[in-house]
Amino acid sequence: MLLSNIRNRLRPRSAYSARYRIHGLSKDTAIMDIAALALFVGFAAIALVVPGPDWVFVLSSSTSGTRVGSAVGGLMTGYAIITIAVAVGLGALIATVPFALTAIAVLGAGYLIYLGAAILRARSSAAPAGAIAPADLRPDAHTLIRGIGVSALNPKALLFFLAILPLFVRAESPLPATLQLGIYGAIYIVIGSAFYLLLGTLARRLSRTNRAGALLNRVSGALMILIGIAMLVEQAITIAHIV
């Protein structure tokens, strides 16, 4: 019902919706609907501010002595992969394959538990993360790759893109549906990059002391493990209902 209401809201409505179209384009040739863009930005903002694996990964990376950009870049690369999968129809195909999403969820949950354990095992740095000079922060390829895994292996991210992005595709647009999906995915990535860079920067400033940095590390690692376990339990319940 909710998705149906959203789709109805996005349908063009004569002169009323024409006021929201890009200036200079007719009703039949408008490339993007400003009302749809604004609504999508709202959806993206809501999805981003809800704490989840991405939050925990950025917070833990902010105290590890690596550049926050490495963590955020990894996360957004993962979302770019999901966007491409949805745009070319691969995401929908995966969703129709029995237990495909379950396999992704289990793999993603195991990966989160592994990362959380690695964070808890890691020794605290001699210098607090907030005290490290920006020039001394190292761009970490491992952090980048881990970020890709955190977002790309998150089945809820795939389902979110599969459920939300198509709602904003306009059949009357001169742009092909694949390109429209890519544009909305790119908008999400831009907003997500700004949000997580801000979150990581604030977390780094808050962890200027050894005690604060160590506490944030432990909390982040524990939360990542708990999220992974919760994902496994959720999938176990789902399989039990199917069987």
Protein backbone atom coordinates (compact mmCIF):
# COMPACT_ATOMS: atom_id res chain seq x y z
CA MET A 1 0.00 0.00 0.00
CA LEU A 2 2.80 2.42 0.89
CA LEU A 3 4.70 1.72 -2.31
CA SER A 4 1.48 2.09 -4.29
CA ASN A 5 0.82 5.49 -2.73
CA ILE A 6 4.35 6.61 -3.51
CA ARG A 7 4.03 5.58 -7.15
CA ASN A 8 0.72 7.45 -7.42
CA ARG A 9 2.34 10.55 -5.99
CA LEU A 10 5.06 10.39 -8.61
CA ARG A 11 2.69 10.23 -11.60
CA PRO A 12 2.47 13.49 -13.59
CA ARG A 13 -0.69 15.49 -12.91
CA SER A 14 -1.43 18.11 -15.57
CA ALA A 15 -0.56 21.70 -14.71
CA TYR A 16 0.05 20.96 -11.04
CA SER A 17 3.01 18.67 -11.62
CA ALA A 18 4.16 20.75 -14.58
CA ARG A 19 5.07 23.51 -12.14
CA TYR A 20 7.67 21.18 -10.63
CA ARG A 21 9.34 20.24 -13.91
CA ILE A 22 12.66 21.56 -15.04
CA HIS A 23 12.09 25.01 -16.55
CA GLY A 24 12.00 25.17 -20.31
CA LEU A 25 10.98 21.53 -20.89
CA SER A 26 7.49 20.51 -21.92
CA LYS A 27 5.40 17.96 -20.10
CA ASP A 28 6.28 15.26 -22.64
CA THR A 29 10.01 15.99 -22.87
CA ALA A 30 10.91 16.79 -19.25
CA ILE A 31 14.01 14.78 -18.41
CA MET A 32 13.62 14.60 -14.63
CA ASP A 33 10.74 15.49 -12.33
CA ILE A 34 11.84 17.87 -9.57
CA ALA A 35 9.13 16.61 -7.22
CA ALA A 36 10.37 13.04 -7.73
CA LEU A 37 13.97 14.12 -7.19
CA ALA A 38 13.05 15.91 -3.95
CA LEU A 39 11.11 12.90 -2.71
CA PHE A 40 13.98 10.57 -3.52
CA VAL A 41 16.43 12.81 -1.64
CA GLY A 42 14.11 12.52 1.35
CA PHE A 43 14.07 8.74 1.09
CA ALA A 44 17.86 8.67 0.80
CA ALA A 45 18.29 10.92 3.84
CA ILE A 46 16.00 8.74 5.96
CA ALA A 47 17.86 5.59 4.90
CA LEU A 48 21.25 7.15 5.69
CA VAL A 49 20.45 8.53 9.15
CA VAL A 50 19.24 5.15 10.40
CA PRO A 51 22.25 3.50 12.11
CA GLY A 52 23.43 0.25 10.57
CA PRO A 53 26.55 -1.57 9.35
CA ASP A 54 27.69 1.47 7.34
CA TRP A 55 27.58 3.68 10.44
CA VAL A 56 29.54 1.18 12.50
CA PHE A 57 32.17 0.72 9.80
CA VAL A 58 32.72 4.47 9.39
CA LEU A 59 32.92 4.99 13.17
CA SER A 60 35.43 2.18 13.62
CA SER A 61 37.52 3.40 10.68
CA SER A 62 37.62 6.92 12.12
CA THR A 63 39.75 5.68 15.04
CA SER A 64 42.06 3.36 13.09
CA GLY A 65 44.50 5.95 11.76
CA THR A 66 43.27 5.66 8.18
CA ARG A 67 41.62 8.40 6.17
CA VAL A 68 37.85 8.43 6.59
CA GLY A 69 37.67 8.85 2.82
CA SER A 70 39.02 5.31 2.37
CA ALA A 71 36.11 3.87 4.36
CA VAL A 72 33.51 6.07 2.70
CA GLY A 73 34.98 5.42 -0.75
CA GLY A 74 34.69 1.68 -0.17
CA LEU A 75 31.08 1.93 0.99
CA MET A 76 30.07 4.08 -1.96
CA THR A 77 31.86 1.77 -4.41
CA GLY A 78 29.72 -1.04 -3.03
CA TYR A 79 26.60 1.04 -3.61
CA ALA A 80 27.77 1.80 -7.14
CA ILE A 81 28.00 -1.95 -7.75
CA ILE A 82 24.46 -2.41 -6.41
CA THR A 83 23.20 0.46 -8.58
CA ILE A 84 24.68 -1.12 -11.70
CA ALA A 85 23.20 -4.50 -10.75
CA VAL A 86 19.74 -2.97 -10.33
CA ALA A 87 20.00 -0.85 -13.48
CA VAL A 88 20.89 -3.77 -15.75
CA GLY A 89 18.30 -6.06 -14.15
CA LEU A 90 20.75 -8.32 -12.34
CA GLY A 91 19.40 -7.29 -8.94
CA ALA A 92 15.87 -8.36 -9.82
CA LEU A 93 17.22 -11.65 -11.17
CA ILE A 94 19.08 -12.33 -7.91
CA ALA A 95 15.93 -11.58 -5.91
CA THR A 96 14.00 -14.24 -7.86
CA VAL A 97 16.57 -17.01 -7.35
CA PRO A 98 15.67 -19.19 -4.35
CA PHE A 99 17.97 -18.62 -1.38
CA ALA A 100 20.18 -16.21 -3.37
CA LEU A 101 19.45 -13.33 -1.00
CA THR A 102 19.81 -15.70 1.93
CA ALA A 103 23.27 -16.70 0.72
CA ILE A 104 24.25 -13.03 0.34
CA ALA A 105 22.87 -12.25 3.80
CA VAL A 106 24.77 -15.11 5.44
CA LEU A 107 27.97 -14.13 3.66
CA GLY A 108 27.49 -10.48 4.64
CA ALA A 109 26.72 -11.38 8.25
CA GLY A 110 29.81 -13.56 8.49
CA TYR A 111 31.87 -10.73 7.02
CA LEU A 112 30.55 -8.26 9.60
CA ILE A 113 31.32 -10.67 12.44
CA TYR A 114 34.83 -11.16 11.06
CA LEU A 115 35.42 -7.39 10.82
CA GLY A 116 34.02 -6.80 14.31
CA ALA A 117 36.29 -9.45 15.77
CA ALA A 118 39.26 -7.97 13.92
CA ILE A 119 38.47 -4.54 15.38
CA LEU A 120 38.26 -5.93 18.92
CA ARG A 121 41.54 -7.82 18.48
CA ALA A 122 43.39 -4.83 17.14
CA ARG A 123 45.62 -3.06 19.63
CA SER A 124 44.95 0.55 20.42
CA SER A 125 47.19 2.94 18.52
CA ALA A 126 49.82 4.75 20.53
CA ALA A 127 48.41 8.06 19.32
CA PRO A 128 44.65 8.78 19.51
CA ALA A 129 42.99 9.00 16.11
CA GLY A 130 41.95 12.60 16.63
CA ALA A 131 45.52 13.63 17.40
CA ILE A 132 46.96 12.28 14.15
CA ALA A 133 47.84 15.03 11.72
CA PRO A 134 45.82 14.89 8.49
CA ALA A 135 49.02 14.51 6.46
CA ASP A 136 49.93 11.41 8.49
CA LEU A 137 46.64 9.63 7.93
CA ARG A 138 47.22 6.82 5.46
CA PRO A 139 44.88 5.94 2.60
CA ASP A 140 44.27 2.26 3.36
CA ALA A 141 43.47 -0.09 0.47
CA HIS A 142 42.32 -2.71 2.97
CA THR A 143 39.81 -0.28 4.43
CA LEU A 144 38.57 0.52 0.93
CA ILE A 145 38.07 -3.15 0.12
CA ARG A 146 36.40 -3.81 3.46
CA GLY A 147 34.01 -0.94 2.82
CA ILE A 148 33.03 -2.47 -0.52
CA GLY A 149 32.27 -5.74 1.27
CA VAL A 150 30.19 -4.07 3.99
CA SER A 151 27.82 -2.34 1.55
CA ALA A 152 27.87 -4.71 -1.44
CA LEU A 153 27.17 -7.78 0.73
CA ASN A 154 24.31 -6.10 2.58
CA PRO A 155 21.10 -7.70 1.22
CA LYS A 156 18.98 -4.94 2.75
CA ALA A 157 20.84 -2.39 0.65
CA LEU A 158 20.09 -4.42 -2.49
CA LEU A 159 16.42 -4.78 -1.53
CA PHE A 160 16.19 -1.06 -0.76
CA PHE A 161 17.52 -0.17 -4.20
CA LEU A 162 15.27 -2.76 -5.86
CA ALA A 163 12.16 -1.48 -4.07
CA ILE A 164 12.80 2.27 -4.17
CA LEU A 165 14.70 3.21 -7.33
CA PRO A 166 12.13 1.85 -9.83
CA LEU A 167 9.40 3.94 -8.19
CA PHE A 168 11.03 7.10 -9.52
CA VAL A 169 11.50 5.94 -13.11
CA ARG A 170 9.24 7.85 -15.52
CA ALA A 171 8.15 6.01 -18.67
CA GLU A 172 7.55 9.31 -20.49
CA SER A 173 11.09 10.55 -19.88
CA PRO A 174 13.38 10.66 -22.94
CA LEU A 175 16.03 8.97 -20.83
CA PRO A 176 16.07 5.15 -20.81
CA ALA A 177 15.03 3.48 -17.56
CA THR A 178 18.54 2.13 -17.05
CA LEU A 179 20.01 5.63 -17.12
CA GLN A 180 17.33 6.99 -14.80
CA LEU A 181 18.11 4.24 -12.29
CA GLY A 182 21.79 5.09 -12.57
CA ILE A 183 21.10 8.77 -11.93
CA TYR A 184 19.13 8.06 -8.77
CA GLY A 185 21.82 5.67 -7.60
CA ALA A 186 24.45 8.35 -8.21
CA ILE A 187 22.39 10.86 -6.21
CA TYR A 188 22.27 8.41 -3.31
CA ILE A 189 26.03 7.93 -3.51
CA VAL A 190 26.70 11.69 -3.48
CA ILE A 191 24.43 12.25 -0.46
CA GLY A 192 25.85 9.19 1.29
CA SER A 193 29.43 10.33 0.71
CA ALA A 194 28.73 13.74 2.24
CA PHE A 195 26.89 12.25 5.23
CA TYR A 196 29.46 9.58 6.09
CA LEU A 197 32.42 11.92 5.60
CA LEU A 198 30.76 14.27 8.09
CA LEU A 199 30.01 11.40 10.48
CA GLY A 200 33.58 10.08 10.30
CA THR A 201 35.09 13.54 10.77
CA LEU A 202 32.95 14.20 13.84
CA ALA A 203 33.80 10.79 15.28
CA ARG A 204 37.51 11.43 14.79
CA ARG A 205 37.27 14.73 16.62
CA LEU A 206 35.36 13.13 19.48
CA SER A 207 38.04 10.44 19.87
CA ARG A 208 40.97 12.77 20.47
CA THR A 209 41.92 10.98 23.68
CA ASN A 210 43.23 7.43 23.95
CA ARG A 211 40.36 6.45 26.23
CA ALA A 212 37.66 7.82 23.91
CA GLY A 213 39.26 6.27 20.83
CA ALA A 214 39.61 2.86 22.51
CA LEU A 215 36.01 3.00 23.75
CA LEU A 216 34.69 3.89 20.31
CA ASN A 217 36.72 1.06 18.80
CA ARG A 218 35.34 -1.50 21.27
CA VAL A 219 31.76 -0.31 20.87
CA SER A 220 32.06 -0.32 17.07
CA GLY A 221 33.53 -3.81 17.00
CA ALA A 222 30.88 -5.17 19.36
CA LEU A 223 28.05 -3.54 17.40
CA MET A 224 29.37 -4.96 14.15
CA ILE A 225 29.38 -8.46 15.65
CA LEU A 226 25.87 -7.99 17.07
CA ILE A 227 24.54 -6.79 13.70
CA GLY A 228 26.11 -9.82 12.01
CA ILE A 229 24.56 -12.18 14.56
CA ALA A 230 21.17 -10.47 14.19
CA MET A 231 21.35 -10.94 10.42
CA LEU A 232 22.13 -14.66 10.87
CA VAL A 233 19.23 -15.09 13.30
CA GLU A 234 16.89 -13.30 10.91
CA GLN A 235 17.91 -15.56 8.05
CA ALA A 236 17.57 -18.68 10.24
CA ILE A 237 14.01 -17.65 11.12
CA THR A 238 13.23 -17.00 7.45
CA ILE A 239 14.56 -20.41 6.39
CA ALA A 240 12.63 -22.11 9.21
CA HIS A 241 9.39 -20.54 7.96
CA ILE A 242 10.11 -21.59 4.37
CA VAL A 243 10.97 -25.14 5.34
